[in-house]
Protein backbone atom coordinates (compact mmCIF):
# COMPACT_ATOMS: atom_id res chain seq x y z
CA UNK A 1 -16.55 -101.50 25.99
CA UNK A 2 -13.60 -103.18 27.77
CA UNK A 3 -14.34 -106.28 29.80
CA UNK A 4 -17.32 -105.79 32.10
CA UNK A 5 -16.83 -102.02 32.42
CA UNK A 6 -20.10 -100.20 31.90
CA UNK A 7 -20.52 -96.47 31.30
CA UNK A 8 -22.01 -94.48 34.16
CA UNK A 9 -25.75 -94.03 33.99
CA UNK A 10 -26.39 -90.35 34.69
CA UNK A 11 -29.69 -89.70 36.44
CA UNK A 12 -30.90 -86.37 35.05
CA UNK A 13 -33.53 -83.87 36.14
CA UNK A 14 -34.70 -80.95 34.01
CA UNK A 15 -35.61 -77.69 35.75
CA UNK A 16 -37.70 -75.44 33.51
CA UNK A 17 -39.96 -77.06 30.91
CA UNK A 18 -40.33 -74.14 28.52
CA UNK A 19 -39.11 -74.06 24.93
CA UNK A 20 -35.53 -75.23 25.43
CA UNK A 21 -36.27 -77.30 28.52
CA UNK A 22 -38.53 -79.43 26.37
CA UNK A 23 -35.53 -80.17 24.14
CA UNK A 24 -33.68 -81.61 27.13
CA UNK A 25 -36.74 -83.64 28.09
CA UNK A 26 -36.84 -85.06 24.57
CA UNK A 27 -33.12 -85.76 24.24
CA UNK A 28 -32.14 -87.25 27.62
CA UNK A 29 -34.16 -90.50 27.31
CA UNK A 30 -32.40 -91.28 24.02
CA UNK A 31 -28.85 -90.90 25.35
CA UNK A 32 -27.27 -94.31 26.04
CA UNK A 33 -25.79 -93.27 29.39
CA UNK A 34 -28.49 -90.96 30.74
CA UNK A 35 -31.92 -91.35 32.27
CA UNK A 36 -34.63 -88.75 32.87
CA UNK A 37 -35.72 -89.20 36.50
CA UNK A 38 -37.61 -85.97 37.23
CA UNK A 39 -38.73 -82.60 35.89
CA UNK A 40 -39.49 -79.37 37.72
CA UNK A 41 -41.48 -76.34 36.64
CA UNK A 42 -43.55 -73.73 38.46
CA UNK A 43 -46.31 -74.50 35.94
CA UNK A 44 -47.46 -78.16 36.33
CA UNK A 45 -49.35 -78.07 33.05
CA UNK A 46 -46.21 -77.08 31.18
CA UNK A 47 -44.28 -79.93 32.81
CA UNK A 48 -47.04 -82.40 31.97
CA UNK A 49 -47.11 -81.23 28.37
CA UNK A 50 -43.34 -81.57 28.01
CA UNK A 51 -43.40 -85.13 29.33
CA UNK A 52 -46.32 -86.16 27.11
CA UNK A 53 -44.65 -84.72 24.01
CA UNK A 54 -41.51 -86.71 24.86
CA UNK A 55 -43.51 -89.88 25.58
CA UNK A 56 -42.30 -89.86 29.20
CA UNK A 57 -45.60 -89.71 31.11
CA UNK A 58 -44.42 -91.59 34.21
CA UNK A 59 -41.56 -89.26 35.14
CA UNK A 60 -42.14 -87.51 38.51
CA UNK A 61 -42.96 -83.79 38.38
CA UNK A 62 -42.25 -81.09 40.93
CA UNK A 63 -42.99 -77.41 41.34
CA UNK A 64 -40.21 -76.83 43.89
CA UNK A 65 -36.63 -77.63 42.97
CA UNK A 66 -35.60 -78.13 46.61
CA UNK A 67 -38.29 -80.78 47.10
CA UNK A 68 -37.21 -82.60 43.93
CA UNK A 69 -33.56 -82.60 45.02
CA UNK A 70 -34.48 -83.98 48.45
CA UNK A 71 -36.70 -86.78 47.15
CA UNK A 72 -35.12 -88.05 43.93
CA UNK A 73 -31.84 -89.84 43.15
CA UNK A 74 -30.32 -87.23 40.81
CA UNK A 75 -26.77 -86.92 39.45
CA UNK A 76 -27.21 -83.98 37.09
CA UNK A 77 -29.54 -80.99 37.07
CA UNK A 78 -30.27 -79.48 33.63
CA UNK A 79 -31.15 -75.82 34.17
CA UNK A 80 -33.45 -74.39 31.49
CA UNK A 81 -34.85 -71.59 33.62
CA UNK A 82 -34.60 -67.90 32.66
CA UNK A 83 -30.93 -66.96 32.28
CA UNK A 84 -30.88 -64.64 35.28
CA UNK A 85 -31.87 -67.54 37.57
CA UNK A 86 -29.01 -69.87 36.62
CA UNK A 87 -26.74 -68.93 39.52
CA UNK A 88 -29.53 -69.48 42.02
CA UNK A 89 -30.35 -72.91 40.58
CA UNK A 90 -26.70 -73.92 40.28
CA UNK A 91 -25.94 -73.07 43.91
CA UNK A 92 -28.96 -75.03 45.13
CA UNK A 93 -28.09 -78.07 43.01
CA UNK A 94 -24.42 -78.09 44.04
CA UNK A 95 -25.32 -77.71 47.72
CA UNK A 96 -27.23 -80.98 47.25
CA UNK A 97 -24.24 -82.65 45.59
CA UNK A 98 -25.47 -82.47 42.00
CA UNK A 99 -23.58 -81.66 38.83
CA UNK A 100 -25.13 -78.94 36.65
CA UNK A 101 -25.67 -78.36 32.94
CA UNK A 102 -26.93 -74.84 32.18
CA UNK A 103 -28.61 -73.72 29.03
CA UNK A 104 -26.93 -70.74 27.39
CA UNK A 105 -25.86 -68.29 28.62
CA UNK A 106 -24.38 -69.78 31.77
CA UNK A 107 -25.52 -66.60 33.59
CA UNK A 108 -25.96 -62.93 32.72
CA UNK A 109 -23.54 -61.34 35.21
CA UNK A 110 -19.81 -62.04 35.36
CA UNK A 111 -19.64 -61.85 39.16
CA UNK A 112 -22.35 -64.51 39.42
CA UNK A 113 -20.54 -66.73 36.92
CA UNK A 114 -17.41 -66.38 39.03
CA UNK A 115 -19.41 -67.44 42.09
CA UNK A 116 -20.64 -70.49 40.18
CA UNK A 117 -17.09 -71.40 39.15
CA UNK A 118 -15.87 -71.02 42.74
CA UNK A 119 -18.71 -73.16 44.10
CA UNK A 120 -17.99 -75.85 41.51
CA UNK A 121 -14.35 -75.93 42.61
CA UNK A 122 -15.30 -75.96 46.30
CA UNK A 123 -17.90 -78.72 46.07
CA UNK A 124 -16.25 -80.82 43.36
CA UNK A 125 -19.47 -80.69 41.33
CA UNK A 126 -18.97 -80.23 37.59
CA UNK A 127 -20.57 -77.38 35.66
CA UNK A 128 -21.07 -77.09 31.91
CA UNK A 129 -23.13 -75.08 29.44
CA UNK A 130 -25.05 -75.90 26.27
CA UNK A 131 -23.48 -74.28 23.21
CA UNK A 132 -24.79 -76.80 20.73
CA UNK A 133 -23.70 -74.94 17.59
CA UNK A 134 -20.11 -75.89 18.37
CA UNK A 135 -21.11 -79.42 17.41
CA UNK A 136 -22.30 -78.57 13.89
CA UNK A 137 -19.91 -80.24 11.44
CA UNK A 138 -19.41 -77.08 9.37
CA UNK A 139 -18.36 -75.05 12.42
CA UNK A 140 -15.95 -77.74 13.54
CA UNK A 141 -14.43 -77.89 10.04
CA UNK A 142 -13.74 -74.14 10.15
CA UNK A 143 -12.36 -74.43 13.70
CA UNK A 144 -9.97 -77.17 12.53
CA UNK A 145 -8.83 -75.08 9.55
CA UNK A 146 -7.97 -72.19 11.88
CA UNK A 147 -6.10 -74.52 14.24
CA UNK A 148 -4.12 -75.88 11.29
CA UNK A 149 -3.17 -72.34 10.22
CA UNK A 150 -4.83 -72.68 6.82
CA UNK A 151 -6.15 -69.09 6.84
CA UNK A 152 -2.71 -67.66 7.57
CA UNK A 153 -2.84 -64.27 9.25
CA UNK A 154 -6.51 -63.51 9.87
CA UNK A 155 -7.91 -60.25 8.52
CA UNK A 156 -11.53 -60.32 9.65
CA UNK A 157 -14.22 -62.56 11.11
CA UNK A 158 -17.86 -61.91 11.82
CA UNK A 159 -21.15 -63.43 12.91
CA UNK A 160 -24.64 -62.38 11.93
CA UNK A 161 -27.93 -63.42 13.54
CA UNK A 162 -30.64 -61.70 11.45
CA UNK A 163 -33.62 -63.34 13.14
CA UNK A 164 -37.22 -62.39 13.75
CA UNK A 165 -39.50 -62.76 16.75
CA UNK A 166 -43.09 -61.50 16.84
CA UNK A 167 -44.28 -59.30 19.71
CA UNK A 168 -46.05 -62.36 21.15
CA UNK A 169 -42.67 -63.98 21.78
CA UNK A 170 -41.97 -61.28 24.36
CA UNK A 171 -45.45 -60.74 25.76
CA UNK A 172 -46.04 -64.48 26.39
CA UNK A 173 -43.45 -64.42 29.19
CA UNK A 174 -42.48 -61.98 31.92
CA UNK A 175 -38.73 -62.37 31.41
CA UNK A 176 -37.73 -62.23 27.73
CA UNK A 177 -36.13 -58.95 26.76
CA UNK A 178 -35.68 -57.91 30.40
CA UNK A 179 -32.37 -56.95 32.00
CA UNK A 180 -33.09 -58.77 35.25
CA UNK A 181 -33.87 -62.23 33.89
CA UNK A 182 -32.81 -62.27 30.22
CA UNK A 183 -29.71 -60.16 30.76
CA UNK A 184 -30.42 -58.22 27.57
CA UNK A 185 -32.15 -58.81 24.28
CA UNK A 186 -31.18 -60.13 20.87
CA UNK A 187 -27.46 -60.30 21.69
CA UNK A 188 -27.60 -62.05 25.07
CA UNK A 189 -30.48 -64.38 24.23
CA UNK A 190 -30.25 -65.20 20.52
CA UNK A 191 -26.77 -64.12 19.38
CA UNK A 192 -24.89 -65.60 22.33
CA UNK A 193 -24.46 -68.80 20.29
CA UNK A 194 -22.75 -66.91 17.49
CA UNK A 195 -20.65 -64.87 19.91
CA UNK A 196 -19.44 -68.10 21.48
CA UNK A 197 -18.60 -69.56 18.06
CA UNK A 198 -16.66 -66.45 17.10
CA UNK A 199 -14.40 -66.43 20.15
CA UNK A 200 -14.04 -70.24 20.10
CA UNK A 201 -12.92 -70.30 16.47
CA UNK A 202 -10.95 -67.04 16.15
CA UNK A 203 -9.70 -66.46 19.68
CA UNK A 204 -10.10 -63.90 22.48
CA UNK A 205 -11.73 -60.55 21.76
CA UNK A 206 -9.72 -57.53 22.94
CA UNK A 207 -12.25 -54.69 22.60
CA UNK A 208 -15.67 -53.84 21.17
CA UNK A 209 -17.56 -50.79 19.94
CA UNK A 210 -21.32 -51.17 19.64
CA UNK A 211 -24.69 -49.54 19.03
CA UNK A 212 -28.04 -51.08 19.97
CA UNK A 213 -31.67 -50.29 20.65
CA UNK A 214 -35.12 -51.83 20.39
CA UNK A 215 -36.21 -50.67 16.95
CA UNK A 216 -39.02 -53.12 16.15
CA UNK A 217 -40.19 -54.19 19.62
CA UNK A 218 -40.35 -50.88 21.49
CA UNK A 219 -42.02 -52.31 24.59
CA UNK A 220 -39.11 -54.53 25.65
CA UNK A 221 -36.46 -53.20 28.02
CA UNK A 222 -33.43 -54.42 26.11
CA UNK A 223 -32.31 -54.31 22.48
CA UNK A 224 -33.82 -56.13 19.52
CA UNK A 225 -31.01 -54.97 17.19
CA UNK A 226 -27.28 -54.52 17.73
CA UNK A 227 -24.29 -53.82 15.51
CA UNK A 228 -20.79 -54.19 16.93
CA UNK A 229 -17.25 -53.77 15.61
CA UNK A 230 -14.43 -55.50 17.43
CA UNK A 231 -10.73 -56.23 17.58
CA UNK A 232 -9.35 -59.65 18.43
CA UNK A 233 -6.26 -60.11 20.55
CA UNK A 234 -4.54 -61.58 17.48
CA UNK A 235 -4.99 -58.26 15.67
CA UNK A 236 -7.82 -59.26 13.34
CA UNK A 237 -10.99 -57.18 13.14
CA UNK A 238 -14.55 -58.39 13.28
CA UNK A 239 -18.28 -57.81 13.46
CA UNK A 240 -21.15 -59.06 15.61
CA UNK A 241 -24.68 -58.33 14.41
CA UNK A 242 -27.84 -59.61 16.03
CA UNK A 243 -31.53 -58.83 15.69
CA UNK A 244 -34.98 -60.20 16.40
CA UNK A 245 -36.57 -57.54 14.21
CA UNK A 246 -35.73 -58.73 10.68
CA UNK A 247 -38.82 -60.38 9.21
CA UNK A 248 -39.08 -63.20 8.22
CA UNK A 249 -35.75 -64.24 9.78
CA UNK A 250 -32.63 -65.38 7.96
CA UNK A 251 -30.08 -68.08 8.86
CA UNK A 252 -27.28 -67.22 11.24
CA UNK A 253 -23.98 -66.81 9.41
CA UNK A 254 -20.30 -66.96 10.27
CA UNK A 255 -17.59 -65.60 7.95
CA UNK A 256 -13.83 -65.68 8.36
CA UNK A 257 -10.96 -64.78 6.09
CA UNK A 258 -7.25 -64.15 5.97
CA UNK A 259 -4.20 -64.10 3.72
CA UNK A 260 -4.58 -67.73 2.62
CA UNK A 261 -8.32 -68.48 2.65
CA UNK A 262 -11.94 -67.70 3.43
CA UNK A 263 -14.88 -69.70 4.79
CA UNK A 264 -18.59 -69.08 5.26
CA UNK A 265 -20.99 -71.15 7.36
CA UNK A 266 -24.72 -70.58 6.79
CA UNK A 267 -26.91 -73.62 7.43
CA UNK A 268 -23.89 -75.62 6.34
CA UNK A 269 -20.51 -75.04 4.76
CA UNK A 270 -21.27 -72.44 2.11
CA UNK A 271 -17.70 -71.45 1.17
CA UNK A 272 -14.37 -73.08 2.02
CA UNK A 273 -11.48 -72.00 -0.19
CA UNK A 274 -7.74 -71.89 0.49
CA UNK A 275 -4.63 -70.93 -1.41
CA UNK A 276 -3.23 -74.37 -0.55
CA UNK A 277 -6.04 -76.81 -1.31
CA UNK A 278 -6.42 -80.16 0.42
CA UNK A 279 -7.87 -83.22 -1.35
CA UNK A 280 -10.67 -83.49 1.22
CA UNK A 281 -11.87 -79.87 0.78
CA UNK A 282 -14.17 -80.67 -2.14
CA UNK A 283 -15.66 -83.61 -0.26
CA UNK A 284 -16.27 -81.44 2.81
CA UNK A 285 -18.01 -78.80 0.74
CA UNK A 286 -20.20 -81.40 -0.92
CA UNK A 287 -21.13 -83.29 2.25
CA UNK A 288 -21.72 -80.19 4.38
CA UNK A 289 -23.33 -77.97 1.75
CA UNK A 290 -26.38 -75.95 2.87
CA UNK A 291 -29.69 -77.58 2.10
CA UNK A 292 -31.91 -75.07 0.25
CA UNK A 293 -34.99 -77.00 1.33
CA UNK A 294 -34.33 -76.40 5.04
CA UNK A 295 -36.97 -74.18 6.66
CA UNK A 296 -36.00 -70.96 8.50
CA UNK A 297 -36.14 -72.92 11.77
CA UNK A 298 -35.09 -70.97 14.87
CA UNK A 299 -34.43 -67.88 12.73
CA UNK A 300 -38.18 -67.36 12.75
CA UNK A 301 -39.43 -69.64 15.52
CA UNK A 302 -37.76 -70.19 18.88
CA UNK A 303 -39.56 -73.53 19.29
CA UNK A 304 -38.01 -74.96 16.13
CA UNK A 305 -34.91 -76.22 17.96
CA UNK A 306 -33.99 -79.69 16.74
CA UNK A 307 -32.59 -82.55 18.80
CA UNK A 308 -29.39 -83.45 16.95
CA UNK A 309 -26.99 -80.74 18.15
CA UNK A 310 -28.26 -80.90 21.74
CA UNK A 311 -27.72 -84.66 21.58
CA UNK A 312 -24.13 -84.13 20.45
CA UNK A 313 -23.46 -81.45 23.07
CA UNK A 314 -24.91 -83.47 25.95
CA UNK A 315 -23.12 -86.62 24.77
CA UNK A 316 -19.82 -84.72 24.71
CA UNK A 317 -20.39 -83.40 28.24
CA UNK A 318 -21.17 -86.83 29.65
CA UNK A 319 -18.27 -88.42 27.77
CA UNK A 320 -15.86 -85.89 29.26
CA UNK A 321 -17.27 -86.38 32.75
CA UNK A 322 -17.07 -90.17 32.36
CA UNK A 323 -13.36 -89.69 31.65
CA UNK A 324 -12.90 -87.45 34.68
CA UNK A 325 -12.48 -84.31 32.57
CA UNK A 326 -14.31 -81.01 32.45
CA UNK A 327 -16.42 -80.53 29.33
CA UNK A 328 -15.33 -78.44 26.36
CA UNK A 329 -18.13 -76.04 27.32
CA UNK A 330 -17.19 -75.85 30.99
CA UNK A 331 -17.89 -72.77 33.09
CA UNK A 332 -14.65 -70.80 32.47
CA UNK A 333 -15.10 -71.35 28.72
CA UNK A 334 -18.78 -70.42 28.89
CA UNK A 335 -17.92 -67.18 30.69
CA UNK A 336 -16.08 -65.82 27.63
CA UNK A 337 -19.17 -65.12 25.48
CA UNK A 338 -20.91 -63.38 28.37
CA UNK A 339 -17.83 -61.21 28.97
CA UNK A 340 -17.91 -60.09 25.33
CA UNK A 341 -21.63 -59.34 25.52
CA UNK A 342 -21.27 -57.38 28.74
CA UNK A 343 -18.56 -55.28 27.06
CA UNK A 344 -20.95 -54.72 24.13
CA UNK A 345 -23.64 -53.42 26.47
CA UNK A 346 -21.13 -51.18 28.26
CA UNK A 347 -20.09 -49.74 24.87
CA UNK A 348 -23.73 -49.12 23.93
CA UNK A 349 -24.27 -47.21 27.19
CA UNK A 350 -21.14 -45.19 26.40
CA UNK A 351 -22.42 -44.15 22.97
CA UNK A 352 -20.31 -46.61 21.01
CA UNK A 353 -16.99 -45.96 22.75
CA UNK A 354 -14.46 -48.80 22.61
CA UNK A 355 -14.60 -51.06 25.69
CA UNK A 356 -12.13 -53.77 26.68
CA UNK A 357 -13.38 -57.29 27.34
CA UNK A 358 -12.84 -58.42 30.92
């Protein structure tokens, strides 16, 4: 702190108090420059439960977002509604002069994301997305190694999300696994984190070729399993695999390799080896090594989301905004993963034909 300058206190409201919304309700009160001032959910009991679990019983609750925006002093709206409702909520918030933080994905249609970006520019309201896995130390170590050129010319990179969800996960809501509100299945909902990591670390994806269907959960509209081959703009090849049908659920994994090194991230830094070693490599491997005692977590249970990475992601967003900058996970950046996923779905509909990423 310099002199008497104090960081801005961001007044935050959470819209949607389901599984991930509850994470925001838990995290916001513990951020040094944020305050939870309201929550909104169509189900009052769900909102009440989220506040009680977070030990925030006195926070005002609303069923209508418009009423909350009119009555409360809010700086930032955290949207944790179904993905296909993010544009609607963003427009309403920005019309009321509020900044917006969307849970992943930012939206499910590229034209709607473009509308959100245009509205942000027009109103001057900032817009960012939660991609908390970017803030895992192992992923940032691999990102830094790529930026430093330690892999040399990249040969291949891939991400795997071999998760499991029981039928109840889909039947307990009216939106999961639907095209209208979830925007797809295992790739758009669960694997979007890994897709974002892949393009963030390796670079833009040029084209994809994919196959997908619902093999284990036949009643859902969208896919529960997808396998995709791809080509990056830098010439490297890659793979995206995602499923919610692989009992009991395994950790998400990222692998990358080239002429001078390879790395694997799976619940930590599992492999990190280069032709030209650095003195700190061994220390990184030791400090970021996977913990074998860690439970399957979100691989088997969507509600097992921890607080740490959301805390880092939200802190980074507010820090950037305090400095007058857009966040690392701003809207144009958040659009990239959705563009890749939309190309994947187009390829699936075309029987696996190669499709360019828009």
